[in-house]
Each structure stands twice: as structure tokens, then as C-alpha cells.
Amino acid sequence: MHEPDFFHGAGVRTGALLHHLDIARHRTSWPTVTAVIPTLNEAANLRWLLPRLAGVDEVVVVDGESADGTADVARRLRPDAVVISQPPAGKGAAMRAGFRAATSDVIVAIDADGSMDPREIDAFVALICCGFDVVKGSRYCVGGGSDDLTLLRRAGNLWLTRLANVLYGVRWTDLCYGYIALRRSVVDRLGLAADGFEIETELCVNAVTTGLRIAEVPSHELDRRSGVSKLNAARDGLRVLRTMVQGRRRPANRPRPRTAPPHERAPRERAALERPARERAALEQVHLEEAPG
């Protein structure tokens, strides 16, 4: 079965990892980045988040008709932001709308509640620059962690992650975490249709079944800064489970995932060694693990 590529900080904390990957941030090939932020009554949290997104080229806020002035706060703090108002149909519907509105090379999905550190964005984008199509955050990679997971959510995520690994022949460490970066050019190939929190799972499993290159990167989840989470562990866990089972039935018109055989890997590895010195310096800090096809 297909084994996606993985990125794990080998014994380094996320802060140190970002320090080393910052070398890649100044390459002339660094792509433009859009931050997509689904919101529903997150005005207080946006006051913390938006000023910390100065390094991205575009901000798209998708607001579910909030009653606390979320959209007004977004426009005031980030006058150049694209603010989309639509009925509150769920996080998935908001993310899909944000993806359609994004115009940058890379899209980063980030929660509005302040639980995802914007300083980690460069680590996600650096891996996109290294050839990955989708980069997913993991709270369980070395260097990752969480200040927010309850015992129930931790157990549920662990069980669902293990099931996904069995169903799709992967070795993910964290399934239910929405800090994700992807190339805008692959959005249509993913065929996203989910309306709720299960869109994070749908994005990952569809990336596998369409043969996209996926990486995991350590991420530290912070506490929600204010307000109450909209996630319901039981309801949304069942939706994630259903999404995994349905995604396992791969449509006939989707190409089968493929890992390059050994005789095809050598040219690719030589090309990696010939990359500019600044990119090689960033790559030396990571361990890339690729299982045989």
C-alpha cells in the first residue's frame, strides 16, 4: 500500500525547527501564502491572531454570520482581508469557501481561536517548497504537543488515527488536527465536500487516494484564548469515522497512489543534492522517511 512521505523533527523542539527552516524563508522561490480562517463569534480571538499574520500575503476570513462583530473586527485589524459572510453551515463549508477565494500559491488553514501558533506557518510552507503537496500538523511528532486536548478527545483521536493508518496504509501520528497547508493547485483534485470538522480528515484521506505527497510537521496546540469550542467529540468523531470509511472506496477515475521504485529514486535524490545551498541547509535539519512502494 502507499506510504506517504513524512517529516519529523528529529529530537528538536518546534522553536528550534523553525529557526533552522527560516533559512528557506528568504529564498527567491518562496511562494505567496493565503491564511484561511473559519470564524463564528471569534472577535476576541481575532484581536490576538490577525496582528500575528503579518508574514502572509493574503488573509481570507469566512464568517458564519457572527453576532459579536467578528467580521467588523477582521476588517478593522486587517483592511486588506477578504471577508466572506455566509450562513453557519460548519467549519468544512467555511474552509471550502475560503479555499475558493484564495489567490496565493499556498493555502494555510488556521483556526481563529488562537490555538494554532502563526509562527509555525513557515515550517509548513518550507515543506511545500521541498516538493510536498499537503503538510499536516501533528501534536504527537517530536517537538509537537497540546495544551488543549481533553482525555476524551485524546483517546478518540488516537483511535481514529490508528484506524486511518490501517485503512490507508499510512503512518500518521495525528488525524484530527486542522493546522494544514496545501498547494492551491491541488484543491480541485481533492474534491472536498464535507461541511463539518470532518473536512480535515476528508482532505487527508483524499490526498492519499489521489496520490499527493503528504508530510507531517510538529505543531504545538495552545489553549483556546477565549470562548467555547464548537467541536462535539461524539458527534464529530462519528462524522470523521464515516468520512474515513467512505473515502476508502476510491473512485475508479482517481489515479492510484504510487511511490517511486528504487531505480527511479536515484535521479530524484541527486536532484535534491543539487539544490541551492540555502535549501540544503534547511533540509539537513529534517528526517524524511519514505517506505518502499
C-alpha atoms as a PDB file:
ATOM      1  CA  MET A   1       0.000   0.000   0.000  1.00  0.00           C
ATOM      2  CA  HIS A   2       1.033   3.608  -0.453  1.00  0.00           C
ATOM      3  CA  GLU A   3       3.217   5.109   2.242  1.00  0.00           C
ATOM      4  CA  PRO A   4       3.250   8.916   2.161  1.00  0.00           C
ATOM      5  CA  ASP A   5       6.406  10.813   2.932  1.00  0.00           C
ATOM      6  CA  PHE A   6       6.793  12.094   6.446  1.00  0.00           C
ATOM      7  CA  PHE A   7       8.678  14.901   8.085  1.00  0.00           C
ATOM      8  CA  HIS A   8       9.555  14.666  11.736  1.00  0.00           C
ATOM      9  CA  GLY A   9      11.760  16.993  13.733  1.00  0.00           C
ATOM     10  CA  ALA A  10      14.396  14.536  14.899  1.00  0.00           C
ATOM     11  CA  GLY A  11      14.840  15.439  18.534  1.00  0.00           C
ATOM     12  CA  VAL A  12      14.273  19.182  18.158  1.00  0.00           C
ATOM     13  CA  ARG A  13      11.588  21.387  19.612  1.00  0.00           C
ATOM     14  CA  THR A  14       9.330  23.310  17.263  1.00  0.00           C
ATOM     15  CA  GLY A  15      11.032  26.634  18.019  1.00  0.00           C
ATOM     16  CA  ALA A  16      14.445  25.310  17.040  1.00  0.00           C
ATOM     17  CA  LEU A  17      12.981  23.693  13.956  1.00  0.00           C
ATOM     18  CA  LEU A  18      11.522  26.999  12.819  1.00  0.00           C
ATOM     19  CA  HIS A  19      14.847  28.704  13.428  1.00  0.00           C
ATOM     20  CA  HIS A  20      16.589  26.358  11.015  1.00  0.00           C
ATOM     21  CA  LEU A  21      13.828  26.303   8.412  1.00  0.00           C
ATOM     22  CA  ASP A  22      13.797  30.095   8.386  1.00  0.00           C
ATOM     23  CA  ILE A  23      16.751  29.864   6.019  1.00  0.00           C
ATOM     24  CA  ALA A  24      14.340  28.697   3.334  1.00  0.00           C
ATOM     25  CA  ARG A  25      12.005  31.614   4.056  1.00  0.00           C
ATOM     26  CA  HIS A  26      14.308  34.009   2.213  1.00  0.00           C
ATOM     27  CA  ARG A  27      14.693  32.006  -0.959  1.00  0.00           C
ATOM     28  CA  THR A  28      13.607  33.829  -4.106  1.00  0.00           C
ATOM     29  CA  SER A  29      11.277  30.894  -4.817  1.00  0.00           C
ATOM     30  CA  TRP A  30       9.295  31.339  -1.584  1.00  0.00           C
ATOM     31  CA  PRO A  31       5.617  31.158  -2.592  1.00  0.00           C
ATOM     32  CA  THR A  32       2.815  33.546  -1.771  1.00  0.00           C
ATOM     33  CA  VAL A  33       0.666  32.386   1.150  1.00  0.00           C
ATOM     34  CA  THR A  34      -3.033  32.787   1.970  1.00  0.00           C
ATOM     35  CA  ALA A  35      -4.296  32.153   5.522  1.00  0.00           C
ATOM     36  CA  VAL A  36      -7.872  30.839   5.518  1.00  0.00           C
ATOM     37  CA  ILE A  37      -9.653  31.401   8.840  1.00  0.00           C
ATOM     38  CA  PRO A  38     -13.160  29.993   9.519  1.00  0.00           C
ATOM     39  CA  THR A  39     -14.926  32.049  12.194  1.00  0.00           C
ATOM     40  CA  LEU A  40     -18.085  32.036  14.270  1.00  0.00           C
ATOM     41  CA  ASN A  41     -18.174  34.548  17.134  1.00  0.00           C
ATOM     42  CA  GLU A  42     -14.384  34.806  17.382  1.00  0.00           C
ATOM     43  CA  ALA A  43     -13.961  38.600  17.573  1.00  0.00           C
ATOM     44  CA  ALA A  44     -11.898  38.500  20.788  1.00  0.00           C
ATOM     45  CA  ASN A  45      -9.587  35.816  19.440  1.00  0.00           C
ATOM     46  CA  LEU A  46      -9.070  37.570  16.115  1.00  0.00           C
ATOM     47  CA  ARG A  47      -7.672  40.550  18.029  1.00  0.00           C
ATOM     48  CA  TRP A  48      -4.832  38.246  19.058  1.00  0.00           C
ATOM     49  CA  LEU A  49      -4.460  36.265  15.804  1.00  0.00           C
ATOM     50  CA  LEU A  50      -4.651  38.783  12.969  1.00  0.00           C
ATOM     51  CA  PRO A  51      -1.751  41.036  14.049  1.00  0.00           C
ATOM     52  CA  ARG A  52       0.408  37.904  14.162  1.00  0.00           C
ATOM     53  CA  LEU A  53      -0.288  37.067  10.499  1.00  0.00           C
ATOM     54  CA  ALA A  54       1.821  39.907   9.136  1.00  0.00           C
ATOM     55  CA  GLY A  55       4.012  37.424   7.250  1.00  0.00           C
ATOM     56  CA  VAL A  56       1.265  36.068   4.995  1.00  0.00           C
ATOM     57  CA  ASP A  57       0.327  37.694   1.684  1.00  0.00           C
ATOM     58  CA  GLU A  58      -3.444  37.293   1.947  1.00  0.00           C
ATOM     59  CA  VAL A  59      -5.980  36.671   4.692  1.00  0.00           C
ATOM     60  CA  VAL A  60      -9.399  35.166   3.964  1.00  0.00           C
ATOM     61  CA  VAL A  61     -11.864  35.229   6.857  1.00  0.00           C
ATOM     62  CA  VAL A  62     -15.026  33.178   6.362  1.00  0.00           C
ATOM     63  CA  ASP A  63     -17.595  34.260   8.925  1.00  0.00           C
ATOM     64  CA  GLY A  64     -20.753  32.346   9.778  1.00  0.00           C
ATOM     65  CA  GLU A  65     -22.858  35.456  10.416  1.00  0.00           C
ATOM     66  CA  SER A  66     -21.353  36.047  13.866  1.00  0.00           C
ATOM     67  CA  ALA A  67     -23.282  38.073  16.434  1.00  0.00           C
ATOM     68  CA  ASP A  68     -20.202  39.560  18.115  1.00  0.00           C
ATOM     69  CA  GLY A  69     -18.891  41.710  15.270  1.00  0.00           C
ATOM     70  CA  THR A  70     -16.258  39.228  14.092  1.00  0.00           C
ATOM     71  CA  ALA A  71     -16.399  40.481  10.503  1.00  0.00           C
ATOM     72  CA  ASP A  72     -16.018  44.118  11.581  1.00  0.00           C
ATOM     73  CA  VAL A  73     -13.033  43.280  13.774  1.00  0.00           C
ATOM     74  CA  ALA A  74     -11.402  41.432  10.863  1.00  0.00           C
ATOM     75  CA  ARG A  75     -11.854  44.383   8.513  1.00  0.00           C
ATOM     76  CA  ARG A  76     -10.559  46.848  11.087  1.00  0.00           C
ATOM     77  CA  LEU A  77      -7.450  44.860  12.042  1.00  0.00           C
ATOM     78  CA  ARG A  78      -6.682  43.668   8.523  1.00  0.00           C
ATOM     79  CA  PRO A  79      -8.146  46.162   5.994  1.00  0.00           C
ATOM     80  CA  ASP A  80      -6.810  44.110   3.085  1.00  0.00           C
ATOM     81  CA  ALA A  81      -8.518  40.910   4.289  1.00  0.00           C
ATOM     82  CA  VAL A  82     -11.108  39.155   2.160  1.00  0.00           C
ATOM     83  CA  VAL A  83     -14.112  38.743   4.463  1.00  0.00           C
ATOM     84  CA  ILE A  84     -16.803  36.301   3.332  1.00  0.00           C
ATOM     85  CA  SER A  85     -20.094  36.131   5.215  1.00  0.00           C
ATOM     86  CA  GLN A  86     -22.280  33.068   4.800  1.00  0.00           C
ATOM     87  CA  PRO A  87     -24.831  31.120   6.871  1.00  0.00           C
ATOM     88  CA  PRO A  88     -23.168  29.000   9.598  1.00  0.00           C
ATOM     89  CA  ALA A  89     -23.079  25.619   7.845  1.00  0.00           C
ATOM     90  CA  GLY A  90     -19.977  24.302   9.627  1.00  0.00           C
ATOM     91  CA  LYS A  91     -16.195  24.509   9.563  1.00  0.00           C
ATOM     92  CA  GLY A  92     -15.929  22.449   6.394  1.00  0.00           C
ATOM     93  CA  ALA A  93     -18.257  24.711   4.450  1.00  0.00           C
ATOM     94  CA  ALA A  94     -16.274  27.732   5.637  1.00  0.00           C
ATOM     95  CA  MET A  95     -12.936  26.181   4.671  1.00  0.00           C
ATOM     96  CA  ARG A  96     -14.182  25.262   1.213  1.00  0.00           C
ATOM     97  CA  ALA A  97     -15.399  28.825   0.664  1.00  0.00           C
ATOM     98  CA  GLY A  98     -12.044  30.149   1.841  1.00  0.00           C
ATOM     99  CA  PHE A  99     -10.132  27.823  -0.470  1.00  0.00           C
ATOM    100  CA  ARG A 100     -12.200  29.034  -3.435  1.00  0.00           C
ATOM    101  CA  ALA A 101     -11.457  32.667  -2.581  1.00  0.00           C
ATOM    102  CA  ALA A 102      -7.701  32.204  -2.015  1.00  0.00           C
ATOM    103  CA  THR A 103      -5.369  33.520  -4.722  1.00  0.00           C
ATOM    104  CA  SER A 104      -1.898  32.650  -3.361  1.00  0.00           C
ATOM    105  CA  ASP A 105       0.336  29.710  -4.268  1.00  0.00           C
ATOM    106  CA  VAL A 106      -0.073  28.072  -0.866  1.00  0.00           C
ATOM    107  CA  ILE A 107      -3.114  27.959   1.412  1.00  0.00           C
ATOM    108  CA  VAL A 108      -2.752  27.562   5.176  1.00  0.00           C
ATOM    109  CA  ALA A 109      -5.874  26.649   7.152  1.00  0.00           C
ATOM    110  CA  ILE A 110      -5.631  28.061  10.669  1.00  0.00           C
ATOM    111  CA  ASP A 111      -8.233  28.217  13.440  1.00  0.00           C
ATOM    112  CA  ALA A 112      -9.444  31.584  14.704  1.00  0.00           C
ATOM    113  CA  ASP A 113      -9.371  30.632  18.384  1.00  0.00           C
ATOM    114  CA  GLY A 114      -5.650  31.256  18.927  1.00  0.00           C
ATOM    115  CA  SER A 115      -4.811  27.585  19.459  1.00  0.00           C
ATOM    116  CA  MET A 116      -2.517  27.417  16.404  1.00  0.00           C
ATOM    117  CA  ASP A 117       0.731  29.383  16.577  1.00  0.00           C
ATOM    118  CA  PRO A 118       1.159  31.566  13.441  1.00  0.00           C
ATOM    119  CA  ARG A 119       4.936  31.373  13.910  1.00  0.00           C
ATOM    120  CA  GLU A 120       4.758  27.762  12.715  1.00  0.00           C
ATOM    121  CA  ILE A 121       3.470  28.725   9.257  1.00  0.00           C
ATOM    122  CA  ASP A 122       6.990  28.987   7.826  1.00  0.00           C
ATOM    123  CA  ALA A 123       7.724  25.346   8.746  1.00  0.00           C
ATOM    124  CA  PHE A 124       4.616  24.225   6.838  1.00  0.00           C
ATOM    125  CA  VAL A 125       5.419  26.334   3.788  1.00  0.00           C
ATOM    126  CA  ALA A 126       9.097  25.290   3.764  1.00  0.00           C
ATOM    127  CA  LEU A 127       7.993  21.689   3.243  1.00  0.00           C
ATOM    128  CA  ILE A 128       5.718  22.743   0.398  1.00  0.00           C
ATOM    129  CA  CYS A 129       8.842  24.324  -1.126  1.00  0.00           C
ATOM    130  CA  CYS A 130      10.584  20.956  -0.735  1.00  0.00           C
ATOM    131  CA  GLY A 131       8.029  19.285  -3.010  1.00  0.00           C
ATOM    132  CA  PHE A 132       5.140  18.225  -0.798  1.00  0.00           C
ATOM    133  CA  ASP A 133       1.550  18.931  -1.831  1.00  0.00           C
ATOM    134  CA  VAL A 134      -0.059  18.766   1.615  1.00  0.00           C
ATOM    135  CA  VAL A 135       1.570  19.394   5.002  1.00  0.00           C
ATOM    136  CA  LYS A 136      -0.401  18.469   8.121  1.00  0.00           C
ATOM    137  CA  GLY A 137       0.437  19.498  11.639  1.00  0.00           C
ATOM    138  CA  SER A 138       0.915  16.857  14.299  1.00  0.00           C
ATOM    139  CA  ARG A 139       0.743  17.305  18.045  1.00  0.00           C
ATOM    140  CA  TYR A 140       2.404  13.896  18.501  1.00  0.00           C
ATOM    141  CA  CYS A 141       5.557  14.315  16.409  1.00  0.00           C
ATOM    142  CA  VAL A 142       8.737  15.028  18.360  1.00  0.00           C
ATOM    143  CA  GLY A 143       8.533  18.753  19.059  1.00  0.00           C
ATOM    144  CA  GLY A 144       4.727  18.863  18.978  1.00  0.00           C
ATOM    145  CA  GLY A 145       2.256  18.918  21.847  1.00  0.00           C
ATOM    146  CA  SER A 146      -1.058  20.241  23.109  1.00  0.00           C
ATOM    147  CA  ASP A 147      -2.234  22.386  25.980  1.00  0.00           C
ATOM    148  CA  ASP A 148      -5.857  21.882  24.997  1.00  0.00           C
ATOM    149  CA  LEU A 149      -6.635  18.177  24.444  1.00  0.00           C
ATOM    150  CA  THR A 150      -9.015  16.585  26.939  1.00  0.00           C
ATOM    151  CA  LEU A 151      -8.638  12.912  27.866  1.00  0.00           C
ATOM    152  CA  LEU A 152     -11.703  12.011  25.764  1.00  0.00           C
ATOM    153  CA  ARG A 153     -10.521  13.901  22.692  1.00  0.00           C
ATOM    154  CA  ARG A 154      -7.012  12.486  23.032  1.00  0.00           C
ATOM    155  CA  ALA A 155      -8.317   8.905  23.213  1.00  0.00           C
ATOM    156  CA  GLY A 156     -10.719   9.428  20.314  1.00  0.00           C
ATOM    157  CA  ASN A 157      -8.041  10.980  18.127  1.00  0.00           C
ATOM    158  CA  LEU A 158      -5.623   8.152  18.910  1.00  0.00           C
ATOM    159  CA  TRP A 159      -8.183   5.501  17.955  1.00  0.00           C
ATOM    160  CA  LEU A 160      -9.219   7.283  14.756  1.00  0.00           C
ATOM    161  CA  THR A 161      -5.586   7.850  13.753  1.00  0.00           C
ATOM    162  CA  ARG A 162      -4.792   4.156  14.182  1.00  0.00           C
ATOM    163  CA  LEU A 163      -7.840   3.218  12.129  1.00  0.00           C
ATOM    164  CA  ALA A 164      -6.825   5.616   9.351  1.00  0.00           C
ATOM    165  CA  ASN A 165      -3.355   4.063   9.321  1.00  0.00           C
ATOM    166  CA  VAL A 166      -4.868   0.599   8.855  1.00  0.00           C
ATOM    167  CA  LEU A 167      -7.373   1.670   6.200  1.00  0.00           C
ATOM    168  CA  TYR A 168      -4.951   3.709   4.123  1.00  0.00           C
ATOM    169  CA  GLY A 169      -1.607   2.053   4.785  1.00  0.00           C
ATOM    170  CA  VAL A 170      -0.057   5.207   6.245  1.00  0.00           C
ATOM    171  CA  ARG A 171       1.746   6.012   9.479  1.00  0.00           C
ATOM    172  CA  TRP A 172       0.203   9.272  10.603  1.00  0.00           C
ATOM    173  CA  THR A 173       0.566  10.343  14.208  1.00  0.00           C
ATOM    174  CA  ASP A 174      -2.322  12.834  14.372  1.00  0.00           C
ATOM    175  CA  LEU A 175      -5.505  12.725  12.283  1.00  0.00           C
ATOM    176  CA  CYS A 176      -7.911  15.201  13.882  1.00  0.00           C
ATOM    177  CA  TYR A 177      -5.911  18.416  13.777  1.00  0.00           C
ATOM    178  CA  GLY A 178      -6.790  21.214  11.396  1.00  0.00           C
ATOM    179  CA  TYR A 179      -3.491  23.061  11.007  1.00  0.00           C
ATOM    180  CA  ILE A 180      -2.862  22.222   7.336  1.00  0.00           C
ATOM    181  CA  ALA A 181      -1.029  23.762   4.392  1.00  0.00           C
ATOM    182  CA  LEU A 182      -1.544  22.781   0.770  1.00  0.00           C
ATOM    183  CA  ARG A 183      -0.808  23.931  -2.735  1.00  0.00           C
ATOM    184  CA  ARG A 184      -3.738  25.873  -4.166  1.00  0.00           C
ATOM    185  CA  SER A 185      -3.228  23.969  -7.412  1.00  0.00           C
ATOM    186  CA  VAL A 186      -4.344  20.675  -5.793  1.00  0.00           C
ATOM    187  CA  VAL A 187      -7.594  21.913  -4.226  1.00  0.00           C
ATOM    188  CA  ASP A 188      -9.777  20.764  -7.128  1.00  0.00           C
ATOM    189  CA  ARG A 189      -8.133  17.326  -7.156  1.00  0.00           C
ATOM    190  CA  LEU A 190      -9.083  16.837  -3.505  1.00  0.00           C
ATOM    191  CA  GLY A 191     -12.817  17.014  -4.279  1.00  0.00           C
ATOM    192  CA  LEU A 192     -13.711  18.371  -0.841  1.00  0.00           C
ATOM    193  CA  ALA A 193     -17.399  18.191   0.063  1.00  0.00           C
ATOM    194  CA  ALA A 194     -17.572  17.971   3.891  1.00  0.00           C
ATOM    195  CA  ASP A 195     -19.379  20.680   5.860  1.00  0.00           C
ATOM    196  CA  GLY A 196     -18.172  19.952   9.398  1.00  0.00           C
ATOM    197  CA  PHE A 197     -14.946  19.278  11.298  1.00  0.00           C
ATOM    198  CA  GLU A 198     -14.549  16.051   9.307  1.00  0.00           C
ATOM    199  CA  ILE A 199     -13.187  18.119   6.398  1.00  0.00           C
ATOM    200  CA  GLU A 200      -9.729  17.816   7.979  1.00  0.00           C
ATOM    201  CA  THR A 201      -9.938  14.023   7.650  1.00  0.00           C
ATOM    202  CA  GLU A 202     -11.500  14.239   4.191  1.00  0.00           C
ATOM    203  CA  LEU A 203      -8.632  16.422   3.000  1.00  0.00           C
ATOM    204  CA  CYS A 204      -6.007  13.995   4.291  1.00  0.00           C
ATOM    205  CA  VAL A 205      -7.560  10.759   3.031  1.00  0.00           C
ATOM    206  CA  ASN A 206      -8.390  12.270  -0.367  1.00  0.00           C
ATOM    207  CA  ALA A 207      -4.784  13.424  -0.627  1.00  0.00           C
ATOM    208  CA  VAL A 208      -3.692   9.802  -0.127  1.00  0.00           C
ATOM    209  CA  THR A 209      -6.147   8.338  -2.628  1.00  0.00           C
ATOM    210  CA  THR A 210      -5.229  10.889  -5.291  1.00  0.00           C
ATOM    211  CA  GLY A 211      -1.515  10.199  -4.922  1.00  0.00           C
ATOM    212  CA  LEU A 212      -0.455  13.551  -3.486  1.00  0.00           C
ATOM    213  CA  ARG A 213       2.744  13.870  -1.443  1.00  0.00           C
ATOM    214  CA  ILE A 214       1.972  14.407   2.247  1.00  0.00           C
ATOM    215  CA  ALA A 215       4.198  15.440   5.141  1.00  0.00           C
ATOM    216  CA  GLU A 216       3.633  15.737   8.865  1.00  0.00           C
ATOM    217  CA  VAL A 217       5.307  18.557  10.782  1.00  0.00           C
ATOM    218  CA  PRO A 218       5.431  19.050  14.573  1.00  0.00           C
ATOM    219  CA  SER A 219       2.948  21.589  15.913  1.00  0.00           C
ATOM    220  CA  HIS A 220       2.158  22.712  19.440  1.00  0.00           C
ATOM    221  CA  GLU A 221      -1.529  23.359  20.091  1.00  0.00           C
ATOM    222  CA  LEU A 222      -2.191  26.184  22.531  1.00  0.00           C
ATOM    223  CA  ASP A 223      -5.255  26.679  24.710  1.00  0.00           C
ATOM    224  CA  ARG A 224      -8.210  28.429  23.082  1.00  0.00           C
ATOM    225  CA  ARG A 225      -7.787  32.028  24.149  1.00  0.00           C
ATOM    226  CA  SER A 226     -11.463  32.738  24.861  1.00  0.00           C
ATOM    227  CA  GLY A 227     -14.906  31.351  24.181  1.00  0.00           C
ATOM    228  CA  VAL A 228     -16.069  27.750  23.850  1.00  0.00           C
ATOM    229  CA  SER A 229     -15.105  25.232  21.189  1.00  0.00           C
ATOM    230  CA  LYS A 230     -17.791  24.315  18.663  1.00  0.00           C
ATOM    231  CA  LEU A 231     -16.489  20.756  18.387  1.00  0.00           C
ATOM    232  CA  ASN A 232     -18.632  17.938  19.796  1.00  0.00           C
ATOM    233  CA  ALA A 233     -16.398  14.922  20.436  1.00  0.00           C
ATOM    234  CA  ALA A 234     -19.070  12.228  19.960  1.00  0.00           C
ATOM    235  CA  ARG A 235     -20.945  13.752  17.023  1.00  0.00           C
ATOM    236  CA  ASP A 236     -17.891  14.923  15.129  1.00  0.00           C
ATOM    237  CA  GLY A 237     -15.977  11.736  15.885  1.00  0.00           C
ATOM    238  CA  LEU A 238     -18.717   9.720  14.170  1.00  0.00           C
ATOM    239  CA  ARG A 239     -18.575  12.051  11.180  1.00  0.00           C
ATOM    240  CA  VAL A 240     -14.818  11.566  10.950  1.00  0.00           C
ATOM    241  CA  LEU A 241     -15.290   7.791  11.085  1.00  0.00           C
ATOM    242  CA  ARG A 242     -17.889   7.897   8.314  1.00  0.00           C
ATOM    243  CA  THR A 243     -15.617  10.075   6.190  1.00  0.00           C
ATOM    244  CA  MET A 244     -12.733   7.593   6.552  1.00  0.00           C
ATOM    245  CA  VAL A 245     -14.879   4.607   5.568  1.00  0.00           C
ATOM    246  CA  GLN A 246     -16.427   6.387   2.587  1.00  0.00           C
ATOM    247  CA  GLY A 247     -13.049   7.661   1.401  1.00  0.00           C
ATOM    248  CA  ARG A 248     -11.675   4.104   1.399  1.00  0.00           C
ATOM    249  CA  ARG A 249     -13.910   3.354  -1.591  1.00  0.00           C
ATOM    250  CA  ARG A 250     -11.652   5.065  -4.091  1.00  0.00           C
ATOM    251  CA  PRO A 251     -13.457   6.215  -7.269  1.00  0.00           C
ATOM    252  CA  ALA A 252     -12.295   4.452 -10.422  1.00  0.00           C
ATOM    253  CA  ASN A 253     -11.193   7.691 -12.086  1.00  0.00           C
ATOM    254  CA  ARG A 254      -8.715   8.539  -9.356  1.00  0.00           C
ATOM    255  CA  PRO A 255      -5.108   7.560 -10.053  1.00  0.00           C
ATOM    256  CA  ARG A 256      -3.675   5.010  -7.659  1.00  0.00           C
ATOM    257  CA  PRO A 257      -1.059   6.418  -5.287  1.00  0.00           C
ATOM    258  CA  ARG A 258       2.460   5.473  -6.239  1.00  0.00           C
ATOM    259  CA  THR A 259       5.815   5.538  -4.533  1.00  0.00           C
ATOM    260  CA  ALA A 260       8.777   5.677  -6.900  1.00  0.00           C
ATOM    261  CA  PRO A 261      10.717   2.376  -7.125  1.00  0.00           C
ATOM    262  CA  PRO A 262      14.386   2.408  -6.133  1.00  0.00           C
ATOM    263  CA  HIS A 263      15.739   2.753  -9.685  1.00  0.00           C
ATOM    264  CA  GLU A 264      13.655   5.923 -10.139  1.00  0.00           C
ATOM    265  CA  ARG A 265      14.613   7.424  -6.798  1.00  0.00           C
ATOM    266  CA  ALA A 266      18.282   7.951  -7.578  1.00  0.00           C
ATOM    267  CA  PRO A 267      17.775  10.821 -10.059  1.00  0.00           C
ATOM    268  CA  ARG A 268      15.402  12.490  -7.658  1.00  0.00           C
ATOM    269  CA  GLU A 269      17.856  12.170  -4.793  1.00  0.00           C
ATOM    270  CA  ARG A 270      20.676  13.543  -6.940  1.00  0.00           C
ATOM    271  CA  ALA A 271      18.477  16.490  -7.881  1.00  0.00           C
ATOM    272  CA  ALA A 272      17.875  17.172  -4.192  1.00  0.00           C
ATOM    273  CA  LEU A 273      21.594  17.271  -3.563  1.00  0.00           C
ATOM    274  CA  GLU A 274      21.997  19.800  -6.347  1.00  0.00           C
ATOM    275  CA  ARG A 275      19.520  22.258  -4.825  1.00  0.00           C
ATOM    276  CA  PRO A 276      20.826  25.635  -3.766  1.00  0.00           C
ATOM    277  CA  ALA A 277      22.914  25.593  -0.607  1.00  0.00           C
ATOM    278  CA  ARG A 278      20.338  27.554   1.353  1.00  0.00           C
ATOM    279  CA  GLU A 279      17.663  24.906   0.717  1.00  0.00           C
ATOM    280  CA  ARG A 280      20.051  22.083   1.558  1.00  0.00           C
ATOM    281  CA  ALA A 281      20.782  23.780   4.893  1.00  0.00           C
ATOM    282  CA  ALA A 282      17.086  23.595   5.723  1.00  0.00           C
ATOM    283  CA  LEU A 283      16.776  20.003   4.578  1.00  0.00           C
ATOM    284  CA  GLU A 284      19.695  18.908   6.778  1.00  0.00           C
ATOM    285  CA  GLN A 285      17.535  19.571   9.841  1.00  0.00           C
ATOM    286  CA  VAL A 286      14.857  17.054   8.919  1.00  0.00           C
ATOM    287  CA  HIS A 287      14.460  13.346   8.603  1.00  0.00           C
ATOM    288  CA  LEU A 288      12.491  12.262   5.548  1.00  0.00           C
ATOM    289  CA  GLU A 289      11.249   8.717   5.740  1.00  0.00           C
ATOM    290  CA  GLU A 290       9.933   7.016   2.614  1.00  0.00           C
ATOM    291  CA  ALA A 291       8.802   3.407   2.756  1.00  0.00           C
ATOM    292  CA  PRO A 292       9.123   1.197  -0.389  1.00  0.00           C
ATOM    293  CA  GLY A 293       6.172   1.169  -2.768  1.00  0.00           C
END
